[in-house]
PDB file of all heavy atoms in Angstrom:
ATOM      1  N   ASN A   1      96.667 105.602  92.009  1.00  0.00           N
ATOM      2  CA  ASN A   1      96.317 106.556  93.074  1.00  0.00           C
ATOM      3  C   ASN A   1      95.802 105.839  94.320  1.00  0.00           C
ATOM      4  O   ASN A   1      96.134 106.228  95.450  1.00  0.00           O
ATOM      5  CB  ASN A   1      95.258 107.547  92.567  1.00  0.00           C
ATOM      6  CG  ASN A   1      95.806 108.480  91.497  1.00  0.00           C
ATOM      7  OD1 ASN A   1      97.022 108.745  91.453  1.00  0.00           O
ATOM      8  ND2 ASN A   1      94.945 108.972  90.619  1.00  0.00           N
ATOM      9  N   LYS A   2      95.016 104.775  94.130  1.00  0.00           N
ATOM     10  CA  LYS A   2      94.511 104.005  95.279  1.00  0.00           C
ATOM     11  C   LYS A   2      95.665 103.290  95.981  1.00  0.00           C
ATOM     12  O   LYS A   2      95.689 103.178  97.216  1.00  0.00           O
ATOM     13  CB  LYS A   2      93.464 102.985  94.820  1.00  0.00           C
ATOM     14  CG  LYS A   2      92.154 103.601  94.323  1.00  0.00           C
ATOM     15  CD  LYS A   2      91.320 104.109  95.475  1.00  0.00           C
ATOM     16  CE  LYS A   2      90.046 104.782  94.951  1.00  0.00           C
ATOM     17  NZ  LYS A   2      88.850 104.058  95.160  1.00  0.00           N
ATOM     18  N   LEU A   3      96.630 102.813  95.204  1.00  0.00           N
ATOM     19  CA  LEU A   3      97.798 102.160  95.796  1.00  0.00           C
ATOM     20  C   LEU A   3      98.604 103.145  96.629  1.00  0.00           C
ATOM     21  O   LEU A   3      99.050 102.817  97.739  1.00  0.00           O
ATOM     22  CB  LEU A   3      98.671 101.552  94.701  1.00  0.00           C
ATOM     23  CG  LEU A   3      99.935 100.814  95.165  1.00  0.00           C
ATOM     24  CD1 LEU A   3      99.589  99.653  96.084  1.00  0.00           C
ATOM     25  CD2 LEU A   3     100.725 100.310  93.964  1.00  0.00           C
ATOM     26  N   GLU A   4      98.765 104.349  96.122  1.00  0.00           N
ATOM     27  CA  GLU A   4      99.483 105.381  96.874  1.00  0.00           C
ATOM     28  C   GLU A   4      98.735 105.737  98.163  1.00  0.00           C
ATOM     29  O   GLU A   4      99.342 105.920  99.221  1.00  0.00           O
ATOM     30  CB  GLU A   4      99.632 106.638  96.010  1.00  0.00           C
ATOM     31  CG  GLU A   4     100.614 106.518  94.862  1.00  0.00           C
ATOM     32  CD  GLU A   4     102.039 106.754  95.313  1.00  0.00           C
ATOM     33  OE1 GLU A   4     102.647 105.795  95.841  1.00  0.00           O
ATOM     34  OE2 GLU A   4     102.526 107.885  95.157  1.00  0.00           O
ATOM     35  N   GLU A   5      97.430 105.792  98.054  1.00  0.00           N
ATOM     36  CA  GLU A   5      96.592 106.185  99.191  1.00  0.00           C
ATOM     37  C   GLU A   5      96.533 105.102 100.265  1.00  0.00           C
ATOM     38  O   GLU A   5      96.472 105.402 101.468  1.00  0.00           O
ATOM     39  CB  GLU A   5      95.175 106.490  98.680  1.00  0.00           C
ATOM     40  CG  GLU A   5      94.226 107.026  99.740  1.00  0.00           C
ATOM     41  CD  GLU A   5      92.843 107.294  99.168  1.00  0.00           C
ATOM     42  OE1 GLU A   5      92.691 107.322  97.924  1.00  0.00           O
ATOM     43  OE2 GLU A   5      91.903 107.481  99.964  1.00  0.00           O
ATOM     44  N   HIS A   6      96.565 103.834  99.855  1.00  0.00           N
ATOM     45  CA  HIS A   6      96.414 102.724 100.795  1.00  0.00           C
ATOM     46  C   HIS A   6      97.627 101.795 100.753  1.00  0.00           C
ATOM     47  O   HIS A   6      97.497 100.573 100.891  1.00  0.00           O
ATOM     48  CB  HIS A   6      95.150 101.917 100.458  1.00  0.00           C
ATOM     49  CG  HIS A   6      93.885 102.717 100.473  1.00  0.00           C
ATOM     50  ND1 HIS A   6      93.175 102.986 101.616  1.00  0.00           N
ATOM     51  CD2 HIS A   6      93.203 103.309  99.450  1.00  0.00           C
ATOM     52  CE1 HIS A   6      92.093 103.704 101.316  1.00  0.00           C
ATOM     53  NE2 HIS A   6      92.086 103.913 100.000  1.00  0.00           N
ATOM     54  N   SER A   7      98.797 102.342 100.579  1.00  0.00           N
ATOM     55  CA  SER A   7     100.004 101.535 100.379  1.00  0.00           C
ATOM     56  C   SER A   7     100.287 100.596 101.544  1.00  0.00           C
ATOM     57  O   SER A   7     100.824  99.501 101.352  1.00  0.00           O
ATOM     58  CB  SER A   7     101.216 102.445 100.140  1.00  0.00           C
ATOM     59  OG  SER A   7     101.379 103.333 101.236  1.00  0.00           O
ATOM     60  N   ASP A   8      99.925 100.989 102.761  1.00  0.00           N
ATOM     61  CA  ASP A   8     100.201 100.147 103.927  1.00  0.00           C
ATOM     62  C   ASP A   8      99.208  98.996 104.072  1.00  0.00           C
ATOM     63  O   ASP A   8      99.455  98.063 104.834  1.00  0.00           O
ATOM     64  CB  ASP A   8     100.173 100.993 105.213  1.00  0.00           C
ATOM     65  CG  ASP A   8     101.303 102.014 105.242  1.00  0.00           C
ATOM     66  OD1 ASP A   8     102.317 101.784 104.553  1.00  0.00           O
ATOM     67  OD2 ASP A   8     101.160 103.038 105.931  1.00  0.00           O
ATOM     68  N   GLU A   9      98.100  99.070 103.344  1.00  0.00           N
ATOM     69  CA  GLU A   9      97.052  98.054 103.496  1.00  0.00           C
ATOM     70  C   GLU A   9      97.079  97.007 102.393  1.00  0.00           C
ATOM     71  O   GLU A   9      96.790  95.828 102.633  1.00  0.00           O
ATOM     72  CB  GLU A   9      95.664  98.723 103.477  1.00  0.00           C
ATOM     73  CG  GLU A   9      95.479  99.846 104.475  1.00  0.00           C
ATOM     74  CD  GLU A   9      94.218 100.646 104.180  1.00  0.00           C
ATOM     75  OE1 GLU A   9      93.194 100.006 103.841  1.00  0.00           O
ATOM     76  OE2 GLU A   9      94.254 101.892 104.240  1.00  0.00           O
ATOM     77  N   ILE A  10      97.403  97.409 101.166  1.00  0.00           N
ATOM     78  CA  ILE A  10      97.230  96.539 100.002  1.00  0.00           C
ATOM     79  C   ILE A  10      98.293  95.442  99.959  1.00  0.00           C
ATOM     80  O   ILE A  10      99.488  95.705 100.014  1.00  0.00           O
ATOM     81  CB  ILE A  10      97.245  97.377  98.703  1.00  0.00           C
ATOM     82  CG1 ILE A  10      96.006  98.271  98.674  1.00  0.00           C
ATOM     83  CG2 ILE A  10      97.276  96.470  97.474  1.00  0.00           C
ATOM     84  CD1 ILE A  10      95.999  99.301  97.577  1.00  0.00           C
ATOM     85  N   THR A  11      97.812  94.206  99.864  1.00  0.00           N
ATOM     86  CA  THR A  11      98.682  93.027  99.870  1.00  0.00           C
ATOM     87  C   THR A  11      98.921  92.471  98.473  1.00  0.00           C
ATOM     88  O   THR A  11      99.933  91.836  98.218  1.00  0.00           O
ATOM     89  CB  THR A  11      98.052  91.921 100.749  1.00  0.00           C
ATOM     90  OG1 THR A  11      97.785  92.455 102.045  1.00  0.00           O
ATOM     91  CG2 THR A  11      98.968  90.720 100.890  1.00  0.00           C
ATOM     92  N   LEU A  12      97.979  92.734  97.561  1.00  0.00           N
ATOM     93  CA  LEU A  12      98.063  92.121  96.231  1.00  0.00           C
ATOM     94  C   LEU A  12      97.251  92.967  95.252  1.00  0.00           C
ATOM     95  O   LEU A  12      96.233  93.569  95.634  1.00  0.00           O
ATOM     96  CB  LEU A  12      97.530  90.691  96.298  1.00  0.00           C
ATOM     97  CG  LEU A  12      97.493  89.837  95.035  1.00  0.00           C
ATOM     98  CD1 LEU A  12      97.807  88.370  95.380  1.00  0.00           C
ATOM     99  CD2 LEU A  12      96.101  89.881  94.370  1.00  0.00           C
ATOM    100  N   LEU A  13      97.685  93.010  93.992  1.00  0.00           N
ATOM    101  CA  LEU A  13      96.964  93.714  92.939  1.00  0.00           C
ATOM    102  C   LEU A  13      96.463  92.719  91.903  1.00  0.00           C
ATOM    103  O   LEU A  13      97.212  91.870  91.426  1.00  0.00           O
ATOM    104  CB  LEU A  13      97.881  94.733  92.247  1.00  0.00           C
ATOM    105  CG  LEU A  13      97.368  95.327  90.922  1.00  0.00           C
ATOM    106  CD1 LEU A  13      96.127  96.197  91.153  1.00  0.00           C
ATOM    107  CD2 LEU A  13      98.464  96.137  90.224  1.00  0.00           C
ATOM    108  N   VAL A  14      95.165  92.831  91.552  1.00  0.00           N
ATOM    109  CA  VAL A  14      94.593  92.097  90.437  1.00  0.00           C
ATOM    110  C   VAL A  14      94.188  93.134  89.402  1.00  0.00           C
ATOM    111  O   VAL A  14      93.372  94.014  89.692  1.00  0.00           O
ATOM    112  CB  VAL A  14      93.368  91.265  90.866  1.00  0.00           C
ATOM    113  CG1 VAL A  14      92.738  90.578  89.661  1.00  0.00           C
ATOM    114  CG2 VAL A  14      93.755  90.237  91.913  1.00  0.00           C
ATOM    115  N   THR A  15      94.770  93.063  88.206  1.00  0.00           N
ATOM    116  CA  THR A  15      94.544  94.115  87.224  1.00  0.00           C
ATOM    117  C   THR A  15      94.131  93.577  85.867  1.00  0.00           C
ATOM    118  O   THR A  15      94.595  92.519  85.426  1.00  0.00           O
ATOM    119  CB  THR A  15      95.806  94.991  87.064  1.00  0.00           C
ATOM    120  OG1 THR A  15      95.536  96.036  86.115  1.00  0.00           O
ATOM    121  CG2 THR A  15      97.004  94.190  86.584  1.00  0.00           C
ATOM    122  N   ASP A  16      93.258  94.329  85.210  1.00  0.00           N
ATOM    123  CA  ASP A  16      92.952  94.092  83.807  1.00  0.00           C
ATOM    124  C   ASP A  16      94.138  94.608  82.983  1.00  0.00           C
ATOM    125  O   ASP A  16      94.979  95.363  83.497  1.00  0.00           O
ATOM    126  CB  ASP A  16      91.669  94.848  83.454  1.00  0.00           C
ATOM    127  CG  ASP A  16      91.187  94.569  82.039  1.00  0.00           C
ATOM    128  OD1 ASP A  16      91.574  93.535  81.476  1.00  0.00           O
ATOM    129  OD2 ASP A  16      90.427  95.400  81.499  1.00  0.00           O
ATOM    130  N   ILE A  17      94.196  94.230  81.713  1.00  0.00           N
ATOM    131  CA  ILE A  17      95.244  94.755  80.839  1.00  0.00           C
ATOM    132  C   ILE A  17      94.749  95.958  80.057  1.00  0.00           C
ATOM    133  O   ILE A  17      95.320  97.050  80.135  1.00  0.00           O
ATOM    134  CB  ILE A  17      95.760  93.664  79.881  1.00  0.00           C
ATOM    135  CG1 ILE A  17      96.465  92.564  80.680  1.00  0.00           C
ATOM    136  CG2 ILE A  17      96.729  94.257  78.851  1.00  0.00           C
ATOM    137  CD1 ILE A  17      97.663  93.035  81.479  1.00  0.00           C
ATOM    138  N   GLU A  18      93.666  95.793  79.305  1.00  0.00           N
ATOM    139  CA  GLU A  18      93.155  96.886  78.485  1.00  0.00           C
ATOM    140  C   GLU A  18      92.258  97.793  79.315  1.00  0.00           C
ATOM    141  O   GLU A  18      91.145  97.419  79.667  1.00  0.00           O
ATOM    142  CB  GLU A  18      92.377  96.322  77.281  1.00  0.00           C
ATOM    143  CG  GLU A  18      93.221  95.470  76.346  1.00  0.00           C
ATOM    144  CD  GLU A  18      94.341  96.257  75.694  1.00  0.00           C
ATOM    145  OE1 GLU A  18      94.335  97.494  75.780  1.00  0.00           O
ATOM    146  OE2 GLU A  18      95.228  95.626  75.089  1.00  0.00           O
ATOM    147  N   MET A  19      92.760  98.989  79.634  1.00  0.00           N
ATOM    148  CA  MET A  19      92.000  99.969  80.412  1.00  0.00           C
ATOM    149  C   MET A  19      92.305 101.363  79.884  1.00  0.00           C
ATOM    150  O   MET A  19      93.403 101.609  79.364  1.00  0.00           O
ATOM    151  CB  MET A  19      92.384  99.896  81.900  1.00  0.00           C
ATOM    152  CG  MET A  19      92.029  98.608  82.597  1.00  0.00           C
ATOM    153  SD  MET A  19      92.443  98.641  84.374  1.00  0.00           S
ATOM    154  CE  MET A  19      94.247  98.601  84.300  1.00  0.00           C
ATOM    155  N   PRO A  20      91.368 102.295  80.022  1.00  0.00           N
ATOM    156  CA  PRO A  20      91.650 103.677  79.617  1.00  0.00           C
ATOM    157  C   PRO A  20      92.599 104.359  80.605  1.00  0.00           C
ATOM    158  O   PRO A  20      92.835 103.866  81.703  1.00  0.00           O
ATOM    159  CB  PRO A  20      90.264 104.336  79.640  1.00  0.00           C
ATOM    160  CG  PRO A  20      89.480 103.521  80.621  1.00  0.00           C
ATOM    161  CD  PRO A  20      89.989 102.118  80.498  1.00  0.00           C
ATOM    162  N   ASN A  21      93.139 105.496  80.193  1.00  0.00           N
ATOM    163  CA  ASN A  21      94.014 106.361  81.009  1.00  0.00           C
ATOM    164  C   ASN A  21      95.378 105.721  81.302  1.00  0.00           C
ATOM    165  O   ASN A  21      96.410 106.327  81.075  1.00  0.00           O
ATOM    166  CB  ASN A  21      93.342 106.775  82.325  1.00  0.00           C
ATOM    167  CG  ASN A  21      92.066 107.564  82.079  1.00  0.00           C
ATOM    168  OD1 ASN A  21      92.022 108.391  81.162  1.00  0.00           O
ATOM    169  ND2 ASN A  21      91.033 107.309  82.854  1.00  0.00           N
ATOM    170  N   MET A  22      95.376 104.516  81.813  1.00  0.00           N
ATOM    171  CA  MET A  22      96.622 103.791  82.047  1.00  0.00           C
ATOM    172  C   MET A  22      96.295 102.300  82.000  1.00  0.00           C
ATOM    173  O   MET A  22      95.471 101.830  82.782  1.00  0.00           O
ATOM    174  CB  MET A  22      97.228 104.159  83.414  1.00  0.00           C
ATOM    175  CG  MET A  22      98.556 103.463  83.717  1.00  0.00           C
ATOM    176  SD  MET A  22      99.112 103.760  85.427  1.00  0.00           S
ATOM    177  CE  MET A  22      99.505 105.490  85.362  1.00  0.00           C
ATOM    178  N   ASN A  23      96.910 101.572  81.066  1.00  0.00           N
ATOM    179  CA  ASN A  23      96.577 100.150  80.954  1.00  0.00           C
ATOM    180  C   ASN A  23      97.340  99.326  81.995  1.00  0.00           C
ATOM    181  O   ASN A  23      98.164  99.848  82.745  1.00  0.00           O
ATOM    182  CB  ASN A  23      96.796  99.633  79.533  1.00  0.00           C
ATOM    183  CG  ASN A  23      98.260  99.656  79.103  1.00  0.00           C
ATOM    184  OD1 ASN A  23      99.161  99.444  79.915  1.00  0.00           O
ATOM    185  ND2 ASN A  23      98.499  99.913  77.824  1.00  0.00           N
ATOM    186  N   GLY A  24      97.065  98.031  82.007  1.00  0.00           N
ATOM    187  CA  GLY A  24      97.664  97.167  83.021  1.00  0.00           C
ATOM    188  C   GLY A  24      99.167  97.057  82.907  1.00  0.00           C
ATOM    189  O   GLY A  24      99.874  96.942  83.916  1.00  0.00           O
ATOM    190  N   PHE A  25      99.705  97.086  81.667  1.00  0.00           N
ATOM    191  CA  PHE A  25     101.154  97.047  81.484  1.00  0.00           C
ATOM    192  C   PHE A  25     101.801  98.295  82.086  1.00  0.00           C
ATOM    193  O   PHE A  25     102.812  98.229  82.788  1.00  0.00           O
ATOM    194  CB  PHE A  25     101.509  96.969  79.998  1.00  0.00           C
ATOM    195  CG  PHE A  25     101.083  95.687  79.330  1.00  0.00           C
ATOM    196  CD1 PHE A  25     100.517  95.695  78.068  1.00  0.00           C
ATOM    197  CD2 PHE A  25     101.257  94.459  79.961  1.00  0.00           C
ATOM    198  CE1 PHE A  25     100.133  94.520  77.452  1.00  0.00           C
ATOM    199  CE2 PHE A  25     100.879  93.278  79.354  1.00  0.00           C
ATOM    200  CZ  PHE A  25     100.305  93.315  78.089  1.00  0.00           C
ATOM    201  N   GLU A  26     101.194  99.462  81.786  1.00  0.00           N
ATOM    202  CA  GLU A  26     101.753 100.727  82.281  1.00  0.00           C
ATOM    203  C   GLU A  26     101.661 100.808  83.800  1.00  0.00           C
ATOM    204  O   GLU A  26     102.590 101.291  84.458  1.00  0.00           O
ATOM    205  CB  GLU A  26     101.009 101.900  81.635  1.00  0.00           C
ATOM    206  CG  GLU A  26     101.222 102.005  80.127  1.00  0.00           C
ATOM    207  CD  GLU A  26     100.210 102.908  79.437  1.00  0.00           C
ATOM    208  OE1 GLU A  26      99.122 103.141  80.010  1.00  0.00           O
ATOM    209  OE2 GLU A  26     100.515 103.370  78.329  1.00  0.00           O
ATOM    210  N   LEU A  27     100.538 100.326  84.348  1.00  0.00           N
ATOM    211  CA  LEU A  27     100.382 100.324  85.800  1.00  0.00           C
ATOM    212  C   LEU A  27     101.434  99.431  86.443  1.00  0.00           C
ATOM    213  O   LEU A  27     102.087  99.820  87.420  1.00  0.00           O
ATOM    214  CB  LEU A  27      98.975  99.836  86.172  1.00  0.00           C
ATOM    215  CG  LEU A  27      98.692  99.622  87.659  1.00  0.00           C
ATOM    216  CD1 LEU A  27      98.891 100.912  88.449  1.00  0.00           C
ATOM    217  CD2 LEU A  27      97.276  99.069  87.870  1.00  0.00           C
ATOM    218  N   THR A  28     101.630  98.244  85.893  1.00  0.00           N
ATOM    219  CA  THR A  28     102.635  97.323  86.436  1.00  0.00           C
ATOM    220  C   THR A  28     104.032  97.930  86.352  1.00  0.00           C
ATOM    221  O   THR A  28     104.826  97.831  87.295  1.00  0.00           O
ATOM    222  CB  THR A  28     102.592  95.984  85.666  1.00  0.00           C
ATOM    223  OG1 THR A  28     101.291  95.415  85.799  1.00  0.00           O
ATOM    224  CG2 THR A  28     103.622  95.011  86.217  1.00  0.00           C
ATOM    225  N   GLN A  29     104.333  98.546  85.224  1.00  0.00           N
ATOM    226  CA  GLN A  29     105.662  99.139  85.031  1.00  0.00           C
ATOM    227  C   GLN A  29     105.908 100.249  86.051  1.00  0.00           C
ATOM    228  O   GLN A  29     106.997 100.356  86.619  1.00  0.00           O
ATOM    229  CB  GLN A  29     105.771  99.696  83.612  1.00  0.00           C
ATOM    230  CG  GLN A  29     107.185  99.861  83.122  1.00  0.00           C
ATOM    231  CD  GLN A  29     107.255  99.967  81.612  1.00  0.00           C
ATOM    232  OE1 GLN A  29     106.272 100.266  80.943  1.00  0.00           O
ATOM    233  NE2 GLN A  29     108.428  99.702  81.062  1.00  0.00           N
ATOM    234  N   ARG A  30     104.887 101.060  86.284  1.00  0.00           N
ATOM    235  CA  ARG A  30     105.047 102.148  87.263  1.00  0.00           C
ATOM    236  C   ARG A  30     105.248 101.579  88.663  1.00  0.00           C
ATOM    237  O   ARG A  30     106.072 102.075  89.440  1.00  0.00           O
ATOM    238  CB  ARG A  30     103.824 103.068  87.239  1.00  0.00           C
ATOM    239  CG  ARG A  30     103.923 104.193  88.269  1.00  0.00           C
ATOM    240  CD  ARG A  30     102.774 105.186  88.193  1.00  0.00           C
ATOM    241  NE  ARG A  30     102.877 106.044  87.032  1.00  0.00           N
ATOM    242  CZ  ARG A  30     102.176 107.176  86.891  1.00  0.00           C
ATOM    243  NH1 ARG A  30     101.325 107.549  87.847  1.00  0.00           N
ATOM    244  NH2 ARG A  30     102.305 107.908  85.822  1.00  0.00           N
ATOM    245  N   ILE A  31     104.493 100.534  88.994  1.00  0.00           N
ATOM    246  CA  ILE A  31     104.631  99.918  90.317  1.00  0.00           C
ATOM    247  C   ILE A  31     106.018  99.328  90.497  1.00  0.00           C
ATOM    248  O   ILE A  31     106.669  99.529  91.530  1.00  0.00           O
ATOM    249  CB  ILE A  31     103.550  98.826  90.500  1.00  0.00           C
ATOM    250  CG1 ILE A  31     102.167  99.473  90.650  1.00  0.00           C
ATOM    251  CG2 ILE A  31     103.853  97.943  91.711  1.00  0.00           C
ATOM    252  CD1 ILE A  31     101.012  98.495  90.632  1.00  0.00           C
ATOM    253  N   ARG A  32     106.503  98.613  89.479  1.00  0.00           N
ATOM    254  CA  ARG A  32     107.810  97.962  89.595  1.00  0.00           C
ATOM    255  C   ARG A  32     108.965  98.957  89.614  1.00  0.00           C
ATOM    256  O   ARG A  32     110.052  98.636  90.103  1.00  0.00           O
ATOM    257  CB  ARG A  32     108.001  96.962  88.449  1.00  0.00           C
ATOM    258  CG  ARG A  32     107.068  95.758  88.513  1.00  0.00           C
ATOM    259  CD  ARG A  32     107.237  94.981  89.813  1.00  0.00           C
ATOM    260  NE  ARG A  32     106.409  93.771  89.858  1.00  0.00           N
ATOM    261  CZ  ARG A  32     105.697  93.397  90.889  1.00  0.00           C
ATOM    262  NH1 ARG A  32     105.688  94.156  91.987  1.00  0.00           N
ATOM    263  NH2 ARG A  32     104.987  92.283  90.868  1.00  0.00           N
ATOM    264  N   SER A  33     108.742 100.163  89.099  1.00  0.00           N
ATOM    265  CA  SER A  33     109.805 101.161  89.118  1.00  0.00           C
ATOM    266  C   SER A  33     109.899 101.892  90.454  1.00  0.00           C
ATOM    267  O   SER A  33     110.805 102.692  90.680  1.00  0.00           O
ATOM    268  CB  SER A  33     109.587 102.195  88.004  1.00  0.00           C
ATOM    269  OG  SER A  33     108.388 102.925  88.225  1.00  0.00           O
ATOM    270  N   ASP A  34     108.954 101.597  91.357  1.00  0.00           N
ATOM    271  CA  ASP A  34     108.946 102.203  92.690  1.00  0.00           C
ATOM    272  C   ASP A  34     109.369 101.129  93.697  1.00  0.00           C
ATOM    273  O   ASP A  34     108.672 100.122  93.858  1.00  0.00           O
ATOM    274  CB  ASP A  34     107.543 102.724  93.012  1.00  0.00           C
ATOM    275  CG  ASP A  34     107.504 103.598  94.260  1.00  0.00           C
ATOM    276  OD1 ASP A  34     108.144 103.219  95.265  1.00  0.00           O
ATOM    277  OD2 ASP A  34     106.829 104.642  94.234  1.00  0.00           O
ATOM    278  N   GLU A  35     110.481 101.342  94.367  1.00  0.00           N
ATOM    279  CA  GLU A  35     111.031 100.314  95.262  1.00  0.00           C
ATOM    280  C   GLU A  35     110.099  99.966  96.407  1.00  0.00           C
ATOM    281  O   GLU A  35     110.182  98.876  96.980  1.00  0.00           O
ATOM    282  CB  GLU A  35     112.381 100.750  95.807  1.00  0.00           C
ATOM    283  CG  GLU A  35     112.343 102.032  96.635  1.00  0.00           C
ATOM    284  CD  GLU A  35     113.723 102.418  97.143  1.00  0.00           C
ATOM    285  OE1 GLU A  35     114.723 101.893  96.605  1.00  0.00           O
ATOM    286  OE2 GLU A  35     113.782 103.254  98.068  1.00  0.00           O
ATOM    287  N   ARG A  36     109.171 100.853  96.720  1.00  0.00           N
ATOM    288  CA  ARG A  36     108.224 100.551  97.798  1.00  0.00           C
ATOM    289  C   ARG A  36     107.330  99.359  97.442  1.00  0.00           C
ATOM    290  O   ARG A  36     106.841  98.651  98.319  1.00  0.00           O
ATOM    291  CB  ARG A  36     107.331 101.766  98.077  1.00  0.00           C
ATOM    292  CG  ARG A  36     108.037 102.963  98.675  1.00  0.00           C
ATOM    293  CD  ARG A  36     107.073 104.134  98.795  1.00  0.00           C
ATOM    294  NE  ARG A  36     106.581 104.554  97.481  1.00  0.00           N
ATOM    295  CZ  ARG A  36     105.532 105.373  97.308  1.00  0.00           C
ATOM    296  NH1 ARG A  36     104.843 105.806  98.359  1.00  0.00           N
ATOM    297  NH2 ARG A  36     105.159 105.717  96.079  1.00  0.00           N
ATOM    298  N   TYR A  37     107.094  99.147  96.146  1.00  0.00           N
ATOM    299  CA  TYR A  37     106.149  98.118  95.718  1.00  0.00           C
ATOM    300  C   TYR A  37     106.833  96.997  94.929  1.00  0.00           C
ATOM    301  O   TYR A  37     106.166  96.239  94.219  1.00  0.00           O
ATOM    302  CB  TYR A  37     105.059  98.746  94.848  1.00  0.00           C
ATOM    303  CG  TYR A  37     104.413  99.965  95.451  1.00  0.00           C
ATOM    304  CD1 TYR A  37     104.394 101.179  94.767  1.00  0.00           C
ATOM    305  CD2 TYR A  37     103.830  99.918  96.716  1.00  0.00           C
ATOM    306  CE1 TYR A  37     103.799 102.307  95.319  1.00  0.00           C
ATOM    307  CE2 TYR A  37     103.237 101.045  97.274  1.00  0.00           C
ATOM    308  CZ  TYR A  37     103.224 102.234  96.569  1.00  0.00           C
ATOM    309  OH  TYR A  37     102.642 103.347  97.115  1.00  0.00           O
TER     310      TYR A  37
END
């Protein structure tokens, strides 16, 4: 959600792997499936 909100500003993502709601693998997969990112 923060990436969507600040897509024009964010240059790099640093992510943990084990997280509630959406883990780092799922977050990465969602980002890579969107051509904008």
